[in-house]
């Protein structure tokens, strides 16, 4: 069953409510996902569409049953001298059953079943969209928080450098212009911090809107640490290992991706519609049995009748036009399926290469940051001894800031890429995805 935890999760949400937060009110990624699913009105609408499709399927199944009709009537004959001769009544029951309809009933049942499956896959697609949106908002918030911390660190360094420059300026070993340079850099770092705080505020509000959780949000910052080993593995992948990973994900997507399932089901439904249109070439046969009683003139009379009716449409041109129209629609659905498959294959391949690129960027950015931090300390010591200029210290500080930002971007870019791969593969948890990674 492709839905796996999908409907059980929704049932639990509707009966027990969303899970409680941690004791310290910290929000985990799983809690954010669950709250977002429970809050999504679009998903709730699509679940109602599934119920509606199932009801339509049930109604169609009722057409296979015989049709039963009861009739009753009364009459008055005027003029009549005797009251009993004036009154008359009748009652009857008719049972009609379609014996043969060219296979239309079974085709309609199959089409309705496909419509229900399409509705389920549509809801499942929205389910994954909600999960993806929640994860993106969660990681964006963590990234924004990391950026705020980095901006604060940059400001602290800039303020310390400014204080050092001011002391040197006061004793006359640093020019006023050099001191003003450090002052302007401190002001720029303050502006960067304010901007980073603004982005964090927007990210938190976005996540709060998706989950319905109250502000301020406190996220578990260790959520991404469990991916360090995976980053190292992917960063060292060879071309052959990359091809194996792509193949594994394509096979998983062929079985689980809801968008691909929708296109396949839509193509089958269109082909069934062609068969349904062709059924109009065939005759239909129905049988009807009627039993009636007539009360009149103080007497009672009963009768029964069985009739069989066959009908054949003679306007074949209309049937032919309908078949041609449905055939064109089936070809279009087949093309849509092929395009969905092609697009999905490309998206998976791109996401794999993006993930590996981000993993390698994390490794290289960490090394670059380590070097930049060491270089900055060296330049700072030389600046204290007046053997390095303010511009040297500024460049070293900027190098640390740039590489720290690159590391944050690469790390959370990797997490977003993993989230995309899991969505493409149609998995609900990262454990299922990681099991496919060689």
Protein backbone atom coordinates (compact mmCIF):
# COMPACT_ATOMS: atom_id res chain seq x y z
CA UNK A 1 0.00 0.00 0.00
CA UNK A 2 1.55 3.26 -1.13
CA UNK A 3 -0.04 5.43 1.51
CA UNK A 4 1.83 3.68 4.37
CA UNK A 5 1.66 6.04 7.35
CA UNK A 6 -0.44 8.62 5.52
CA UNK A 7 -3.96 7.74 6.62
CA UNK A 8 -2.91 6.39 10.07
CA UNK A 9 -1.22 9.72 10.79
CA UNK A 10 -4.31 11.64 9.77
CA UNK A 11 -6.57 9.40 11.83
CA UNK A 12 -4.42 9.95 14.89
CA UNK A 13 -4.43 13.68 14.28
CA UNK A 14 -8.21 13.76 14.09
CA UNK A 15 -8.77 11.60 17.16
CA UNK A 16 -5.92 12.42 19.50
CA UNK A 17 -4.77 15.82 18.31
CA UNK A 18 -1.21 16.87 17.48
CA UNK A 19 1.65 15.76 19.70
CA UNK A 20 2.66 17.83 22.69
CA UNK A 21 5.83 19.87 22.54
CA UNK A 22 8.97 18.97 24.42
CA UNK A 23 9.18 19.76 28.08
CA UNK A 24 11.27 22.86 27.36
CA UNK A 25 8.89 23.93 24.56
CA UNK A 26 11.52 23.18 21.93
CA UNK A 27 10.10 22.16 18.57
CA UNK A 28 11.52 19.23 16.65
CA UNK A 29 11.31 18.81 12.90
CA UNK A 30 8.85 15.93 13.30
CA UNK A 31 6.58 18.05 15.47
CA UNK A 32 6.66 20.86 12.92
CA UNK A 33 5.73 18.40 10.17
CA UNK A 34 2.86 16.93 12.18
CA UNK A 35 1.42 20.30 13.15
CA UNK A 36 1.61 21.47 9.53
CA UNK A 37 -0.29 18.38 8.32
CA UNK A 38 -2.98 18.90 10.95
CA UNK A 39 -3.33 22.57 10.00
CA UNK A 40 -3.41 22.26 6.20
CA UNK A 41 -6.85 23.18 4.86
CA UNK A 42 -5.82 22.23 1.32
CA UNK A 43 -5.07 18.69 2.48
CA UNK A 44 -8.36 18.48 4.36
CA UNK A 45 -10.24 19.53 1.19
CA UNK A 46 -8.51 16.84 -0.84
CA UNK A 47 -9.34 14.23 1.78
CA UNK A 48 -12.97 15.24 1.41
CA UNK A 49 -12.54 14.78 -2.33
CA UNK A 50 -11.40 11.23 -1.66
CA UNK A 51 -14.56 10.62 0.37
CA UNK A 52 -16.64 12.11 -2.44
CA UNK A 53 -14.97 9.88 -5.03
CA UNK A 54 -15.57 6.81 -2.89
CA UNK A 55 -19.23 7.78 -2.56
CA UNK A 56 -19.49 8.17 -6.34
CA UNK A 57 -17.96 4.72 -6.74
CA UNK A 58 -20.57 3.29 -4.35
CA UNK A 59 -23.42 5.02 -6.21
CA UNK A 60 -22.18 3.60 -9.51
CA UNK A 61 -22.17 0.10 -8.02
CA UNK A 62 -25.87 0.52 -7.20
CA UNK A 63 -26.68 0.83 -10.91
CA UNK A 64 -25.90 -2.87 -11.27
CA UNK A 65 -28.84 -3.69 -9.03
CA UNK A 66 -32.38 -4.08 -10.44
CA UNK A 67 -34.68 -1.05 -10.48
CA UNK A 68 -37.90 -1.58 -8.46
CA UNK A 69 -40.90 0.73 -8.88
CA UNK A 70 -44.22 0.64 -7.07
CA UNK A 71 -47.35 2.34 -8.45
CA UNK A 72 -50.76 3.07 -6.98
CA UNK A 73 -53.80 4.90 -8.36
CA UNK A 74 -57.47 5.66 -7.80
CA UNK A 75 -60.29 6.62 -10.16
CA UNK A 76 -63.90 7.80 -10.05
CA UNK A 77 -66.34 6.92 -12.86
CA UNK A 78 -68.96 9.62 -13.51
CA UNK A 79 -71.92 9.31 -13.83
CA UNK A 80 -72.72 6.12 -12.01
CA UNK A 81 -75.75 5.46 -9.85
CA UNK A 82 -74.03 3.06 -7.49
CA UNK A 83 -71.18 4.38 -5.35
CA UNK A 84 -69.22 1.13 -5.50
CA UNK A 85 -69.37 1.23 -9.28
CA UNK A 86 -67.96 4.77 -9.25
CA UNK A 87 -64.77 3.92 -7.34
CA UNK A 88 -61.74 2.16 -8.81
CA UNK A 89 -58.18 1.53 -7.63
CA UNK A 90 -55.01 -0.07 -8.95
CA UNK A 91 -51.61 -1.08 -7.57
CA UNK A 92 -48.59 -2.55 -9.20
CA UNK A 93 -44.87 -3.25 -8.92
CA UNK A 94 -42.31 -3.27 -11.71
CA UNK A 95 -38.80 -4.73 -11.62
CA UNK A 96 -36.38 -3.78 -14.36
CA UNK A 97 -32.93 -5.24 -14.81
CA UNK A 98 -30.35 -4.49 -17.46
CA UNK A 99 -29.25 -7.80 -18.91
CA UNK A 100 -26.57 -6.53 -21.28
CA UNK A 101 -25.31 -2.99 -21.86
CA UNK A 102 -22.21 -3.60 -23.94
CA UNK A 103 -20.02 -3.66 -20.84
CA UNK A 104 -20.77 -0.03 -19.92
CA UNK A 105 -21.54 -0.77 -16.27
CA UNK A 106 -18.27 -2.55 -15.64
CA UNK A 107 -16.35 0.16 -17.51
CA UNK A 108 -18.06 2.89 -15.49
CA UNK A 109 -17.21 1.04 -12.27
CA UNK A 110 -13.59 0.76 -13.35
CA UNK A 111 -13.48 4.47 -14.25
CA UNK A 112 -14.96 5.43 -10.88
CA UNK A 113 -12.42 3.23 -9.13
CA UNK A 114 -9.64 4.97 -11.03
CA UNK A 115 -11.12 8.35 -10.10
CA UNK A 116 -11.00 7.35 -6.43
CA UNK A 117 -7.38 6.25 -6.78
CA UNK A 118 -6.51 9.53 -8.50
CA UNK A 119 -8.17 11.46 -5.67
CA UNK A 120 -6.13 9.49 -3.13
CA UNK A 121 -2.88 10.16 -4.98
CA UNK A 122 -3.80 13.82 -5.29
CA UNK A 123 -4.31 14.01 -1.53
CA UNK A 124 -1.07 12.12 -1.00
CA UNK A 125 0.75 14.55 -3.29
CA UNK A 126 -0.57 17.44 -1.21
CA UNK A 127 0.49 15.61 1.93
CA UNK A 128 4.08 15.52 0.72
CA UNK A 129 3.83 19.16 -0.33
CA UNK A 130 2.80 20.09 3.20
CA UNK A 131 5.70 18.10 4.65
CA UNK A 132 8.12 19.73 2.22
CA UNK A 133 6.85 23.22 3.03
CA UNK A 134 7.16 22.56 6.76
CA UNK A 135 10.70 21.25 6.40
CA UNK A 136 11.72 24.16 4.20
CA UNK A 137 10.32 26.64 6.73
CA UNK A 138 11.99 24.75 9.59
CA UNK A 139 15.41 24.70 7.93
CA UNK A 140 15.04 28.31 6.80
CA UNK A 141 14.43 29.28 10.43
CA UNK A 142 17.47 27.34 11.61
CA UNK A 143 19.57 28.86 8.83
CA UNK A 144 18.34 32.35 9.70
CA UNK A 145 19.14 31.74 13.38
CA UNK A 146 22.64 30.56 12.43
CA UNK A 147 23.04 33.67 10.28
CA UNK A 148 22.05 35.86 13.23
CA UNK A 149 24.64 34.12 15.41
CA UNK A 150 27.24 34.60 12.68
CA UNK A 151 26.32 38.26 12.28
CA UNK A 152 26.59 38.74 16.05
CA UNK A 153 30.01 37.09 16.02
CA UNK A 154 31.10 39.38 13.17
CA UNK A 155 29.87 42.38 15.12
CA UNK A 156 31.69 41.26 18.26
CA UNK A 157 34.94 40.92 16.31
CA UNK A 158 34.43 44.26 14.61
CA UNK A 159 33.68 45.96 17.96
CA UNK A 160 36.77 44.41 19.54
CA UNK A 161 38.89 45.57 16.59
CA UNK A 162 37.40 49.05 16.84
CA UNK A 163 38.20 49.21 20.56
CA UNK A 164 41.75 48.12 19.85
CA UNK A 165 42.07 50.66 17.04
CA UNK A 166 40.69 53.40 19.28
CA UNK A 167 43.28 52.66 21.95
CA UNK A 168 46.06 52.74 19.39
CA UNK A 169 44.69 55.96 17.90
CA UNK A 170 44.62 57.62 21.31
CA UNK A 171 48.31 56.92 21.85
CA UNK A 172 49.14 58.12 18.35
CA UNK A 173 50.22 54.85 16.70
CA UNK A 174 47.18 54.60 14.42
CA UNK A 175 45.90 57.28 12.06
CA UNK A 176 42.45 58.80 12.41
CA UNK A 177 41.41 57.53 8.98
CA UNK A 178 42.31 53.95 9.92
CA UNK A 179 40.31 54.27 13.11
CA UNK A 180 37.31 55.64 11.18
CA UNK A 181 37.59 52.63 8.88
CA UNK A 182 37.15 50.25 11.82
CA UNK A 183 34.27 52.38 13.07
CA UNK A 184 32.50 52.20 9.71
CA UNK A 185 32.98 48.44 9.57
CA UNK A 186 31.42 48.09 13.02
CA UNK A 187 28.43 50.13 11.84
CA UNK A 188 28.13 47.90 8.76
CA UNK A 189 28.18 44.79 10.97
CA UNK A 190 25.39 46.26 13.09
CA UNK A 191 23.33 46.78 9.96
CA UNK A 192 24.01 43.19 8.85
CA UNK A 193 22.89 41.93 12.25
CA UNK A 194 19.63 43.88 12.04
CA UNK A 195 19.01 42.49 8.56
CA UNK A 196 19.73 38.95 9.74
CA UNK A 197 17.35 39.40 12.67
CA UNK A 198 14.67 40.61 10.24
CA UNK A 199 15.09 37.49 8.10
CA UNK A 200 14.85 35.33 11.20
CA UNK A 201 11.63 37.06 12.21
CA UNK A 202 10.12 36.41 8.76
CA UNK A 203 11.27 32.78 8.81
CA UNK A 204 9.76 32.21 12.26
CA UNK A 205 6.46 33.75 11.24
CA UNK A 206 6.35 31.61 8.12
CA UNK A 207 6.88 28.46 10.18
CA UNK A 208 4.35 29.60 12.77
CA UNK A 209 1.78 30.21 10.03
CA UNK A 210 2.28 26.72 8.60
CA UNK A 211 2.19 24.92 11.94
CA UNK A 212 -0.16 27.10 13.98
CA UNK A 213 2.39 27.22 16.79
CA UNK A 214 2.66 30.43 18.83
CA UNK A 215 5.62 32.78 18.62
CA UNK A 216 8.37 32.92 19.65
CA UNK A 217 9.47 29.56 18.29
CA UNK A 218 12.31 27.64 19.87
CA UNK A 219 13.68 25.00 17.53
CA UNK A 220 15.87 22.03 18.33
CA UNK A 221 19.18 23.15 16.84
CA UNK A 222 20.66 19.64 16.86
CA UNK A 223 18.26 18.38 14.15
CA UNK A 224 20.92 18.71 11.45
CA UNK A 225 23.80 17.11 13.35
CA UNK A 226 22.65 13.58 12.53
CA UNK A 227 23.43 14.22 8.86
CA UNK A 228 27.16 14.81 9.32
CA UNK A 229 28.08 11.21 8.53
CA UNK A 230 25.79 11.22 5.50
CA UNK A 231 27.40 14.44 4.25
CA UNK A 232 30.84 12.87 4.49
CA UNK A 233 29.69 9.76 2.62
CA UNK A 234 28.12 11.70 -0.23
CA UNK A 235 31.03 14.11 -0.46
CA UNK A 236 33.33 11.19 -1.31
CA UNK A 237 31.05 9.53 -3.88
CA UNK A 238 32.47 8.29 -7.16
CA UNK A 239 30.65 8.55 -10.49
CA UNK A 240 29.59 4.91 -10.21
CA UNK A 241 28.14 5.42 -6.75
CA UNK A 242 26.26 8.47 -7.99
CA UNK A 243 24.73 6.44 -10.83
CA UNK A 244 23.69 3.71 -8.37
CA UNK A 245 22.03 6.27 -6.11
CA UNK A 246 20.15 7.82 -9.04
CA UNK A 247 18.97 4.37 -10.17
CA UNK A 248 17.75 3.49 -6.66
CA UNK A 249 15.82 6.73 -6.37
CA UNK A 250 14.26 6.37 -9.82
CA UNK A 251 13.04 2.88 -8.94
CA UNK A 252 11.61 4.12 -5.65
CA UNK A 253 9.88 7.04 -7.36
CA UNK A 254 8.33 4.69 -9.93
CA UNK A 255 6.61 2.87 -7.06
CA UNK A 256 5.85 5.69 -4.63
CA UNK A 257 5.84 9.14 -6.24
CA UNK A 258 2.24 10.44 -6.12
CA UNK A 259 2.58 12.78 -9.12
CA UNK A 260 3.77 9.92 -11.29
CA UNK A 261 1.00 7.67 -9.95
CA UNK A 262 -1.56 10.33 -10.79
CA UNK A 263 -0.38 10.57 -14.39
CA UNK A 264 -0.40 6.78 -14.79
CA UNK A 265 -3.91 6.51 -13.36
CA UNK A 266 -5.12 9.40 -15.52
CA UNK A 267 -3.77 7.61 -18.61
CA UNK A 268 -5.59 4.39 -17.64
CA UNK A 269 -8.78 6.34 -17.02
CA UNK A 270 -8.55 7.98 -20.44
CA UNK A 271 -8.09 4.57 -22.11
CA UNK A 272 -11.12 3.23 -20.25
CA UNK A 273 -13.11 6.23 -21.50
CA UNK A 274 -12.28 5.15 -25.07
CA UNK A 275 -13.63 1.65 -24.39
CA UNK A 276 -16.76 3.19 -22.86
CA UNK A 277 -17.36 5.28 -25.96
CA UNK A 278 -16.92 2.23 -28.19
CA UNK A 279 -19.55 0.37 -26.14
CA UNK A 280 -22.17 2.64 -27.71
CA UNK A 281 -21.76 0.61 -30.93
CA UNK A 282 -23.23 -2.41 -29.11
CA UNK A 283 -26.90 -3.04 -28.33
CA UNK A 284 -28.35 -2.96 -24.82
CA UNK A 285 -30.87 -5.47 -23.51
CA UNK A 286 -33.12 -5.05 -20.49
CA UNK A 287 -35.80 -7.22 -18.90
CA UNK A 288 -38.88 -5.92 -17.08
CA UNK A 289 -41.45 -7.76 -14.97
CA UNK A 290 -44.69 -6.08 -13.89
CA UNK A 291 -47.36 -7.38 -11.53
CA UNK A 292 -50.54 -5.31 -11.05
CA UNK A 293 -53.91 -5.49 -9.33
CA UNK A 294 -57.04 -3.56 -10.38
CA UNK A 295 -60.03 -3.02 -8.10
CA UNK A 296 -63.19 -1.84 -9.91
CA UNK A 297 -66.91 -2.56 -10.01
CA UNK A 298 -66.62 -4.48 -6.74
CA UNK A 299 -64.27 -6.89 -8.47
CA UNK A 300 -60.57 -7.64 -8.36
CA UNK A 301 -58.33 -8.52 -11.29
CA UNK A 302 -54.58 -9.19 -11.37
CA UNK A 303 -52.05 -9.50 -14.18
CA UNK A 304 -48.31 -10.12 -14.65
CA UNK A 305 -46.13 -9.36 -17.63
CA UNK A 306 -42.51 -10.02 -18.57
CA UNK A 307 -40.93 -8.02 -21.34
CA UNK A 308 -37.50 -7.94 -22.90
CA UNK A 309 -36.33 -4.86 -24.76
CA UNK A 310 -33.33 -4.47 -27.01
CA UNK A 311 -32.08 -1.14 -28.30
CA UNK A 312 -29.36 -0.21 -30.76
CA UNK A 313 -28.34 3.36 -31.54
CA UNK A 314 -28.43 4.12 -35.26
CA UNK A 315 -26.62 7.47 -35.15
CA UNK A 316 -23.22 5.83 -35.55
CA UNK A 317 -21.63 9.11 -36.60
CA UNK A 318 -22.09 10.47 -33.08
CA UNK A 319 -20.54 7.37 -31.57
CA UNK A 320 -17.62 7.57 -33.98
CA UNK A 321 -17.01 11.21 -33.12
CA UNK A 322 -17.13 10.37 -29.41
CA UNK A 323 -14.63 7.53 -29.85
CA UNK A 324 -12.25 9.77 -31.80
CA UNK A 325 -12.52 12.49 -29.15
CA UNK A 326 -11.79 10.06 -26.32
CA UNK A 327 -8.90 8.56 -28.29
CA UNK A 328 -7.28 11.98 -28.66
CA UNK A 329 -7.75 12.59 -24.94
CA UNK A 330 -6.10 9.22 -24.21
CA UNK A 331 -3.12 10.16 -26.39
CA UNK A 332 -2.79 13.45 -24.55
CA UNK A 333 -2.90 11.64 -21.19
CA UNK A 334 -0.19 9.25 -22.40
CA UNK A 335 1.97 12.21 -23.42
CA UNK A 336 1.38 13.83 -20.02
CA UNK A 337 2.49 10.62 -18.35
CA UNK A 338 5.68 10.49 -20.43
CA UNK A 339 6.42 14.15 -19.69
CA UNK A 340 5.81 13.64 -15.96
CA UNK A 341 8.21 10.70 -16.00
CA UNK A 342 10.86 12.67 -17.92
CA UNK A 343 10.55 15.70 -15.63
CA UNK A 344 10.70 13.58 -12.49
CA UNK A 345 13.79 11.72 -13.71
CA UNK A 346 15.53 15.02 -14.41
CA UNK A 347 14.52 16.49 -11.04
CA UNK A 348 15.85 13.44 -9.19
CA UNK A 349 19.15 13.52 -11.05
CA UNK A 350 19.51 17.25 -10.42
CA UNK A 351 18.68 16.86 -6.73
CA UNK A 352 21.25 14.08 -6.37
CA UNK A 353 24.02 16.18 -7.91
CA UNK A 354 22.92 19.19 -5.86
CA UNK A 355 23.08 17.09 -2.69
CA UNK A 356 26.57 15.85 -3.47
CA UNK A 357 27.68 19.35 -4.43
CA UNK A 358 26.30 20.74 -1.16
CA UNK A 359 27.97 17.95 0.84
CA UNK A 360 31.30 18.72 -0.78
CA UNK A 361 30.73 22.42 -0.22
CA UNK A 362 30.17 21.77 3.48
CA UNK A 363 33.50 19.98 3.70
CA UNK A 364 35.44 22.58 1.75
CA UNK A 365 33.73 25.51 3.50
CA UNK A 366 34.59 24.05 6.91
CA UNK A 367 38.24 23.77 5.92
CA UNK A 368 38.20 27.28 4.50
CA UNK A 369 36.61 28.61 7.69
CA UNK A 370 39.21 26.87 9.85
CA UNK A 371 41.97 28.45 7.79
CA UNK A 372 40.28 31.86 7.82
CA UNK A 373 39.85 31.76 11.61
CA UNK A 374 43.52 30.81 12.09
CA UNK A 375 44.62 33.49 9.62
CA UNK A 376 42.48 36.09 11.39
CA UNK A 377 44.05 35.31 14.75
CA UNK A 378 47.49 35.60 13.21
CA UNK A 379 46.71 38.95 11.60
CA UNK A 380 45.08 40.17 14.82
CA UNK A 381 48.24 39.39 16.82
CA UNK A 382 50.36 41.19 14.24
CA UNK A 383 47.98 44.15 14.30
CA UNK A 384 48.36 44.38 18.07
CA UNK A 385 52.10 44.55 17.51
CA UNK A 386 51.57 47.19 14.78
CA UNK A 387 53.09 44.91 12.16
CA UNK A 388 49.81 44.58 10.23
CA UNK A 389 47.62 47.34 8.80
CA UNK A 390 43.93 47.92 9.47
CA UNK A 391 43.19 46.82 5.91
CA UNK A 392 44.92 43.49 6.59
CA UNK A 393 42.80 42.95 9.68
CA UNK A 394 39.66 43.97 7.79
CA UNK A 395 40.41 41.52 4.96
CA UNK A 396 41.08 38.71 7.42
CA UNK A 397 37.85 39.44 9.26
CA UNK A 398 35.89 39.51 5.99
CA UNK A 399 37.40 36.17 4.99
CA UNK A 400 36.08 34.60 8.20
CA UNK A 401 32.64 36.11 7.67
CA UNK A 402 32.45 34.98 4.04
CA UNK A 403 33.47 31.40 4.76
CA UNK A 404 31.18 31.16 7.77
CA UNK A 405 28.25 32.27 5.61
CA UNK A 406 29.25 29.79 2.88
CA UNK A 407 29.31 26.97 5.44
CA UNK A 408 25.84 27.86 6.75
CA UNK A 409 24.43 28.07 3.21
CA UNK A 410 25.99 24.77 2.15
CA UNK A 411 24.85 22.93 5.27
CA UNK A 412 21.21 23.93 5.08
CA UNK A 413 21.25 23.63 1.31
CA UNK A 414 22.25 19.99 1.80
CA UNK A 415 19.38 19.41 4.22
CA UNK A 416 16.92 20.96 1.76
CA UNK A 417 18.26 18.74 -1.02
CA UNK A 418 17.77 15.63 1.14
CA UNK A 419 14.21 16.75 1.82
CA UNK A 420 13.61 17.12 -1.92
CA UNK A 421 15.01 13.66 -2.65
CA UNK A 422 12.75 12.10 -0.04
CA UNK A 423 9.73 13.85 -1.54
CA UNK A 424 10.61 12.74 -5.07
CA UNK A 425 11.03 9.15 -3.88
CA UNK A 426 7.65 9.29 -2.14
CA UNK A 427 9.01 8.49 1.31
CA UNK A 428 7.65 9.90 4.56
CA UNK A 429 10.81 9.50 6.63
CA UNK A 430 14.50 10.04 5.98
CA UNK A 431 15.27 6.52 7.22
CA UNK A 432 13.64 5.04 4.13
CA UNK A 433 15.65 7.38 1.92
CA UNK A 434 18.96 6.73 3.67
CA UNK A 435 18.41 2.98 3.22
CA UNK A 436 18.67 3.55 -0.55
CA UNK A 437 21.96 5.44 -0.33
CA UNK A 438 24.86 3.04 -1.05
